[in-house]
N, C-alpha and C. Protein backbone atom coordinates (compact mmCIF):
# COMPACT_ATOMS: atom_id res chain seq x y z
N UNK A 1 152.62 115.86 88.32
CA UNK A 1 151.79 116.95 87.88
C UNK A 1 152.69 118.02 87.29
N UNK A 2 152.24 118.60 86.18
CA UNK A 2 153.04 119.60 85.49
C UNK A 2 152.23 120.87 85.24
N UNK A 3 152.92 121.99 85.33
CA UNK A 3 152.37 123.27 84.92
C UNK A 3 153.31 123.82 83.86
N UNK A 4 152.81 123.93 82.64
CA UNK A 4 153.61 124.43 81.53
C UNK A 4 153.16 125.86 81.23
N UNK A 5 154.12 126.77 81.17
CA UNK A 5 153.81 128.18 80.95
C UNK A 5 154.85 128.83 80.04
N UNK A 6 154.47 129.98 79.51
CA UNK A 6 155.44 130.85 78.85
C UNK A 6 155.75 131.98 79.83
N UNK A 7 156.92 132.54 79.70
CA UNK A 7 157.33 133.63 80.58
C UNK A 7 156.35 134.79 80.47
N UNK A 8 155.93 135.31 81.62
CA UNK A 8 155.03 136.45 81.64
C UNK A 8 153.56 136.11 81.45
N UNK A 9 153.21 134.85 81.49
CA UNK A 9 151.82 134.43 81.29
C UNK A 9 150.93 135.00 82.39
N UNK A 10 149.85 135.71 82.03
CA UNK A 10 148.98 136.29 83.05
C UNK A 10 148.15 135.26 83.81
N UNK A 11 148.06 134.03 83.32
CA UNK A 11 147.26 133.01 84.00
C UNK A 11 148.05 132.12 84.94
N UNK A 12 149.36 132.32 85.05
CA UNK A 12 150.19 131.44 85.86
C UNK A 12 149.80 131.44 87.33
N UNK A 13 149.67 132.61 87.92
CA UNK A 13 149.34 132.68 89.36
C UNK A 13 148.00 132.03 89.66
N UNK A 14 147.01 132.28 88.81
CA UNK A 14 145.69 131.69 89.02
C UNK A 14 145.76 130.17 88.90
N UNK A 15 146.53 129.67 87.93
CA UNK A 15 146.68 128.22 87.77
C UNK A 15 147.34 127.60 89.00
N UNK A 16 148.39 128.23 89.50
CA UNK A 16 149.07 127.72 90.70
C UNK A 16 148.11 127.71 91.89
N UNK A 17 147.35 128.78 92.06
CA UNK A 17 146.40 128.85 93.17
C UNK A 17 145.35 127.75 93.06
N UNK A 18 144.87 127.49 91.86
CA UNK A 18 143.85 126.45 91.68
C UNK A 18 144.44 125.05 91.89
N UNK A 19 145.67 124.85 91.48
CA UNK A 19 146.32 123.56 91.73
C UNK A 19 146.43 123.33 93.23
N UNK A 20 146.88 124.34 93.96
CA UNK A 20 146.98 124.22 95.42
C UNK A 20 145.62 123.93 96.05
N UNK A 21 144.61 124.68 95.61
CA UNK A 21 143.26 124.50 96.16
C UNK A 21 142.73 123.10 95.86
N UNK A 22 142.97 122.61 94.66
CA UNK A 22 142.49 121.28 94.27
C UNK A 22 143.17 120.19 95.07
N UNK A 23 144.49 120.28 95.22
CA UNK A 23 145.21 119.24 95.96
C UNK A 23 144.84 119.26 97.43
N UNK A 24 144.67 120.44 97.99
CA UNK A 24 144.27 120.54 99.40
C UNK A 24 142.87 119.99 99.61
N UNK A 25 141.94 120.32 98.72
CA UNK A 25 140.56 119.86 98.86
C UNK A 25 140.46 118.34 98.78
N UNK A 26 141.32 117.74 97.96
CA UNK A 26 141.29 116.28 97.78
C UNK A 26 142.24 115.56 98.74
N UNK A 27 143.04 116.32 99.48
CA UNK A 27 143.99 115.70 100.40
C UNK A 27 145.09 114.94 99.69
N UNK A 28 145.47 115.44 98.52
CA UNK A 28 146.50 114.79 97.70
C UNK A 28 147.78 115.63 97.77
N UNK A 29 148.90 114.98 98.02
CA UNK A 29 150.19 115.65 97.97
C UNK A 29 150.83 115.35 96.62
N UNK A 30 151.23 116.40 95.92
CA UNK A 30 151.88 116.21 94.64
C UNK A 30 153.10 117.12 94.55
N UNK A 31 154.03 116.72 93.72
CA UNK A 31 155.12 117.60 93.34
C UNK A 31 154.69 118.27 92.06
N UNK A 32 154.77 119.57 92.01
CA UNK A 32 154.42 120.31 90.81
C UNK A 32 155.69 120.58 90.02
N UNK A 33 155.73 120.04 88.83
CA UNK A 33 156.87 120.28 87.93
C UNK A 33 156.52 121.51 87.10
N UNK A 34 157.28 122.55 87.28
CA UNK A 34 157.05 123.83 86.62
C UNK A 34 157.93 123.88 85.37
N UNK A 35 157.31 123.97 84.20
CA UNK A 35 158.06 123.96 82.94
C UNK A 35 157.83 125.27 82.21
N UNK A 36 158.91 126.01 81.95
CA UNK A 36 158.81 127.23 81.16
C UNK A 36 159.12 126.87 79.72
N UNK A 37 158.16 127.10 78.85
CA UNK A 37 158.30 126.76 77.43
C UNK A 37 159.09 127.87 76.75
N UNK A 38 160.19 127.46 76.14
CA UNK A 38 161.15 128.39 75.54
C UNK A 38 161.11 128.33 74.02
N UNK A 39 160.14 128.92 73.40
CA UNK A 39 160.10 129.02 71.96
C UNK A 39 159.25 127.96 71.28
N UNK A 40 159.05 128.16 69.98
CA UNK A 40 158.17 127.30 69.19
C UNK A 40 158.64 125.85 69.12
N UNK A 41 159.93 125.64 68.95
CA UNK A 41 160.44 124.27 68.87
C UNK A 41 160.13 123.51 70.17
N UNK A 42 160.39 124.14 71.29
CA UNK A 42 160.10 123.53 72.59
C UNK A 42 158.60 123.26 72.72
N UNK A 43 157.77 124.20 72.28
CA UNK A 43 156.31 124.02 72.33
C UNK A 43 155.88 122.81 71.50
N UNK A 44 156.46 122.67 70.32
CA UNK A 44 156.13 121.53 69.47
C UNK A 44 156.55 120.22 70.12
N UNK A 45 157.75 120.19 70.70
CA UNK A 45 158.25 118.97 71.36
C UNK A 45 157.34 118.54 72.50
N UNK A 46 156.79 119.52 73.21
CA UNK A 46 155.95 119.24 74.37
C UNK A 46 154.48 119.05 74.02
N UNK A 47 154.10 119.35 72.77
CA UNK A 47 152.69 119.32 72.42
C UNK A 47 151.93 120.37 73.22
N UNK A 48 152.53 121.54 73.35
CA UNK A 48 152.07 122.62 74.22
C UNK A 48 150.99 123.46 73.54
N UNK A 49 149.74 123.38 74.05
CA UNK A 49 148.65 124.12 73.42
C UNK A 49 148.48 125.56 73.90
N UNK A 50 149.33 126.01 74.78
CA UNK A 50 149.25 127.39 75.26
C UNK A 50 149.43 127.46 76.77
N UNK A 51 149.62 128.68 77.23
CA UNK A 51 149.96 128.92 78.63
C UNK A 51 148.79 129.55 79.38
N UNK A 52 148.47 129.01 80.53
CA UNK A 52 149.07 127.87 81.22
C UNK A 52 148.40 126.55 80.82
N UNK A 53 149.16 125.48 80.85
CA UNK A 53 148.63 124.14 80.64
C UNK A 53 148.95 123.33 81.89
N UNK A 54 147.93 122.66 82.42
CA UNK A 54 148.09 121.81 83.60
C UNK A 54 147.91 120.37 83.15
N UNK A 55 148.88 119.54 83.49
CA UNK A 55 148.82 118.11 83.15
C UNK A 55 148.94 117.27 84.40
N UNK A 56 148.13 116.23 84.47
CA UNK A 56 148.18 115.26 85.55
C UNK A 56 148.46 113.91 84.91
N UNK A 57 149.56 113.28 85.33
CA UNK A 57 149.98 112.01 84.73
C UNK A 57 150.09 112.13 83.21
N UNK A 58 150.59 113.28 82.74
CA UNK A 58 150.81 113.51 81.32
C UNK A 58 149.58 113.90 80.52
N UNK A 59 148.43 113.96 81.17
CA UNK A 59 147.18 114.26 80.47
C UNK A 59 146.71 115.68 80.82
N UNK A 60 146.39 116.45 79.80
CA UNK A 60 145.91 117.82 79.97
C UNK A 60 144.58 117.79 80.73
N UNK A 61 144.44 118.64 81.75
CA UNK A 61 143.20 118.66 82.53
C UNK A 61 142.00 119.10 81.69
N UNK A 62 142.25 119.72 80.54
CA UNK A 62 141.16 120.15 79.66
C UNK A 62 140.67 119.04 78.74
N UNK A 63 141.37 117.90 78.69
CA UNK A 63 141.01 116.84 77.75
C UNK A 63 139.56 116.39 77.87
N UNK A 64 139.09 116.06 79.07
CA UNK A 64 137.73 115.56 79.22
C UNK A 64 136.70 116.58 78.79
N UNK A 65 136.87 117.83 79.19
CA UNK A 65 135.93 118.89 78.82
C UNK A 65 135.92 119.11 77.32
N UNK A 66 137.09 119.12 76.71
CA UNK A 66 137.16 119.34 75.27
C UNK A 66 136.62 118.15 74.49
N UNK A 67 136.88 116.94 74.97
CA UNK A 67 136.36 115.76 74.28
C UNK A 67 134.84 115.73 74.34
N UNK A 68 134.25 116.14 75.46
CA UNK A 68 132.79 116.15 75.55
C UNK A 68 132.19 117.24 74.65
N UNK A 69 133.00 118.24 74.30
CA UNK A 69 132.57 119.29 73.38
C UNK A 69 132.91 118.94 71.93
N UNK A 70 133.48 117.76 71.71
CA UNK A 70 133.80 117.31 70.36
C UNK A 70 135.15 117.73 69.85
N UNK A 71 136.03 118.19 70.73
CA UNK A 71 137.39 118.59 70.33
C UNK A 71 138.37 117.58 70.90
N UNK A 72 139.11 116.92 70.04
CA UNK A 72 140.10 115.96 70.50
C UNK A 72 141.44 116.63 70.75
N UNK A 73 142.29 116.00 71.58
CA UNK A 73 143.61 116.57 71.86
C UNK A 73 144.45 116.83 70.61
N UNK A 74 144.24 116.03 69.57
CA UNK A 74 145.03 116.20 68.35
C UNK A 74 144.55 117.38 67.50
N UNK A 75 143.40 117.97 67.87
CA UNK A 75 142.86 119.10 67.12
C UNK A 75 143.29 120.44 67.70
N UNK A 76 144.04 120.43 68.78
CA UNK A 76 144.49 121.67 69.40
C UNK A 76 145.62 122.29 68.60
N UNK A 77 145.66 123.60 68.62
CA UNK A 77 146.79 124.33 68.07
C UNK A 77 147.93 124.23 69.07
N UNK A 78 149.13 124.00 68.57
CA UNK A 78 150.30 123.89 69.43
C UNK A 78 151.21 125.08 69.12
N UNK A 79 151.70 125.73 70.18
CA UNK A 79 152.61 126.84 69.97
C UNK A 79 152.70 127.73 71.19
N UNK A 80 153.56 128.72 71.09
CA UNK A 80 153.79 129.65 72.19
C UNK A 80 152.70 130.72 72.13
N UNK A 81 151.77 130.62 73.05
CA UNK A 81 150.67 131.58 73.12
C UNK A 81 150.01 131.48 74.48
N UNK A 82 149.16 132.45 74.77
CA UNK A 82 148.34 132.36 75.97
C UNK A 82 147.15 131.48 75.63
N UNK A 83 146.61 130.86 76.64
CA UNK A 83 145.50 129.93 76.45
C UNK A 83 144.33 130.40 77.30
N UNK A 84 143.14 130.34 76.73
CA UNK A 84 141.94 130.68 77.47
C UNK A 84 141.11 129.43 77.68
N UNK A 85 140.37 129.41 78.77
CA UNK A 85 139.55 128.26 79.14
C UNK A 85 138.11 128.72 79.34
N UNK A 86 137.16 127.94 78.85
CA UNK A 86 135.75 128.23 79.06
C UNK A 86 135.07 127.00 79.63
N UNK A 87 134.36 127.21 80.72
CA UNK A 87 133.58 126.11 81.30
C UNK A 87 132.11 126.24 80.93
N UNK A 88 131.81 127.11 79.98
CA UNK A 88 130.45 127.34 79.53
C UNK A 88 129.85 128.61 80.11
N UNK A 89 130.27 128.98 81.31
CA UNK A 89 129.74 130.18 81.95
C UNK A 89 130.63 131.40 81.75
N UNK A 90 131.93 131.18 81.74
CA UNK A 90 132.85 132.30 81.62
C UNK A 90 134.16 131.83 81.01
N UNK A 91 134.92 132.79 80.51
CA UNK A 91 136.24 132.52 79.93
C UNK A 91 137.28 133.04 80.92
N UNK A 92 138.28 132.20 81.20
CA UNK A 92 139.31 132.56 82.16
C UNK A 92 140.70 132.23 81.62
N UNK A 93 141.72 132.71 82.33
CA UNK A 93 143.10 132.52 81.91
C UNK A 93 143.76 131.29 82.51
N UNK A 94 142.99 130.46 83.21
CA UNK A 94 143.52 129.22 83.79
C UNK A 94 142.40 128.19 83.79
N UNK A 95 142.77 126.90 83.84
CA UNK A 95 141.73 125.87 83.85
C UNK A 95 140.83 126.02 85.08
N UNK A 96 139.53 125.76 84.93
CA UNK A 96 138.63 125.80 86.08
C UNK A 96 139.07 124.83 87.17
N UNK A 97 138.82 125.21 88.41
CA UNK A 97 139.16 124.37 89.55
C UNK A 97 138.56 122.98 89.41
N UNK A 98 137.33 122.90 88.95
CA UNK A 98 136.65 121.60 88.82
C UNK A 98 137.38 120.67 87.86
N UNK A 99 137.97 121.21 86.80
CA UNK A 99 138.71 120.37 85.85
C UNK A 99 139.96 119.80 86.51
N UNK A 100 140.65 120.62 87.28
CA UNK A 100 141.87 120.16 87.95
C UNK A 100 141.52 119.10 88.99
N UNK A 101 140.46 119.35 89.75
CA UNK A 101 140.03 118.37 90.76
C UNK A 101 139.63 117.05 90.10
N UNK A 102 138.91 117.12 89.00
CA UNK A 102 138.48 115.89 88.31
C UNK A 102 139.67 115.10 87.80
N UNK A 103 140.65 115.80 87.24
CA UNK A 103 141.85 115.11 86.73
C UNK A 103 142.63 114.47 87.86
N UNK A 104 142.75 115.17 88.98
CA UNK A 104 143.46 114.61 90.14
C UNK A 104 142.72 113.42 90.71
N UNK A 105 141.41 113.53 90.82
CA UNK A 105 140.61 112.43 91.37
C UNK A 105 140.71 111.19 90.48
N UNK A 106 140.71 111.41 89.17
CA UNK A 106 140.81 110.31 88.22
C UNK A 106 142.17 109.62 88.32
N UNK A 107 143.21 110.41 88.56
CA UNK A 107 144.57 109.88 88.61
C UNK A 107 144.99 109.45 90.01
N UNK A 108 144.20 109.77 91.02
CA UNK A 108 144.59 109.51 92.42
C UNK A 108 145.09 108.09 92.66
N UNK A 109 144.45 107.04 92.11
CA UNK A 109 144.98 105.70 92.35
C UNK A 109 146.37 105.49 91.74
N UNK A 110 146.70 106.28 90.71
CA UNK A 110 148.00 106.14 90.05
C UNK A 110 149.09 106.97 90.72
N UNK A 111 148.66 108.00 91.44
CA UNK A 111 149.62 108.91 92.05
C UNK A 111 150.20 108.31 93.31
N UNK A 112 151.48 108.24 93.36
CA UNK A 112 152.14 107.83 94.60
C UNK A 112 152.40 109.07 95.42
N UNK A 113 152.97 108.93 96.58
CA UNK A 113 153.29 110.10 97.39
C UNK A 113 154.21 111.06 96.63
N UNK A 114 153.85 112.32 96.65
CA UNK A 114 154.69 113.33 96.03
C UNK A 114 154.68 113.35 94.53
N UNK A 115 153.66 112.83 93.89
CA UNK A 115 153.58 112.87 92.43
C UNK A 115 152.93 114.16 92.01
């Protein structure tokens, strides 16, 4: 599991809290790889759509929600910026808890101990 952020991102703490809440609720132990994106080149190399980005098994937790809304992963803007998330009811600075839980549940059979 990865958390990709830019330095000073206002959504980092909320993303970390939701990751903890999701893993605890599902009883999944994971290692969180914290990646600080250092500039545009690094963002391009990582396919980084903005901060914070949460990935489970290399897949952005927003993929399913965006695909159901007709936005594919290849249509995202990539670069050093803050990222906002909308679950239809509100806009927030971190992915909704439900998205993180769904991504973890989907990947659970693939996750070994400490992933």
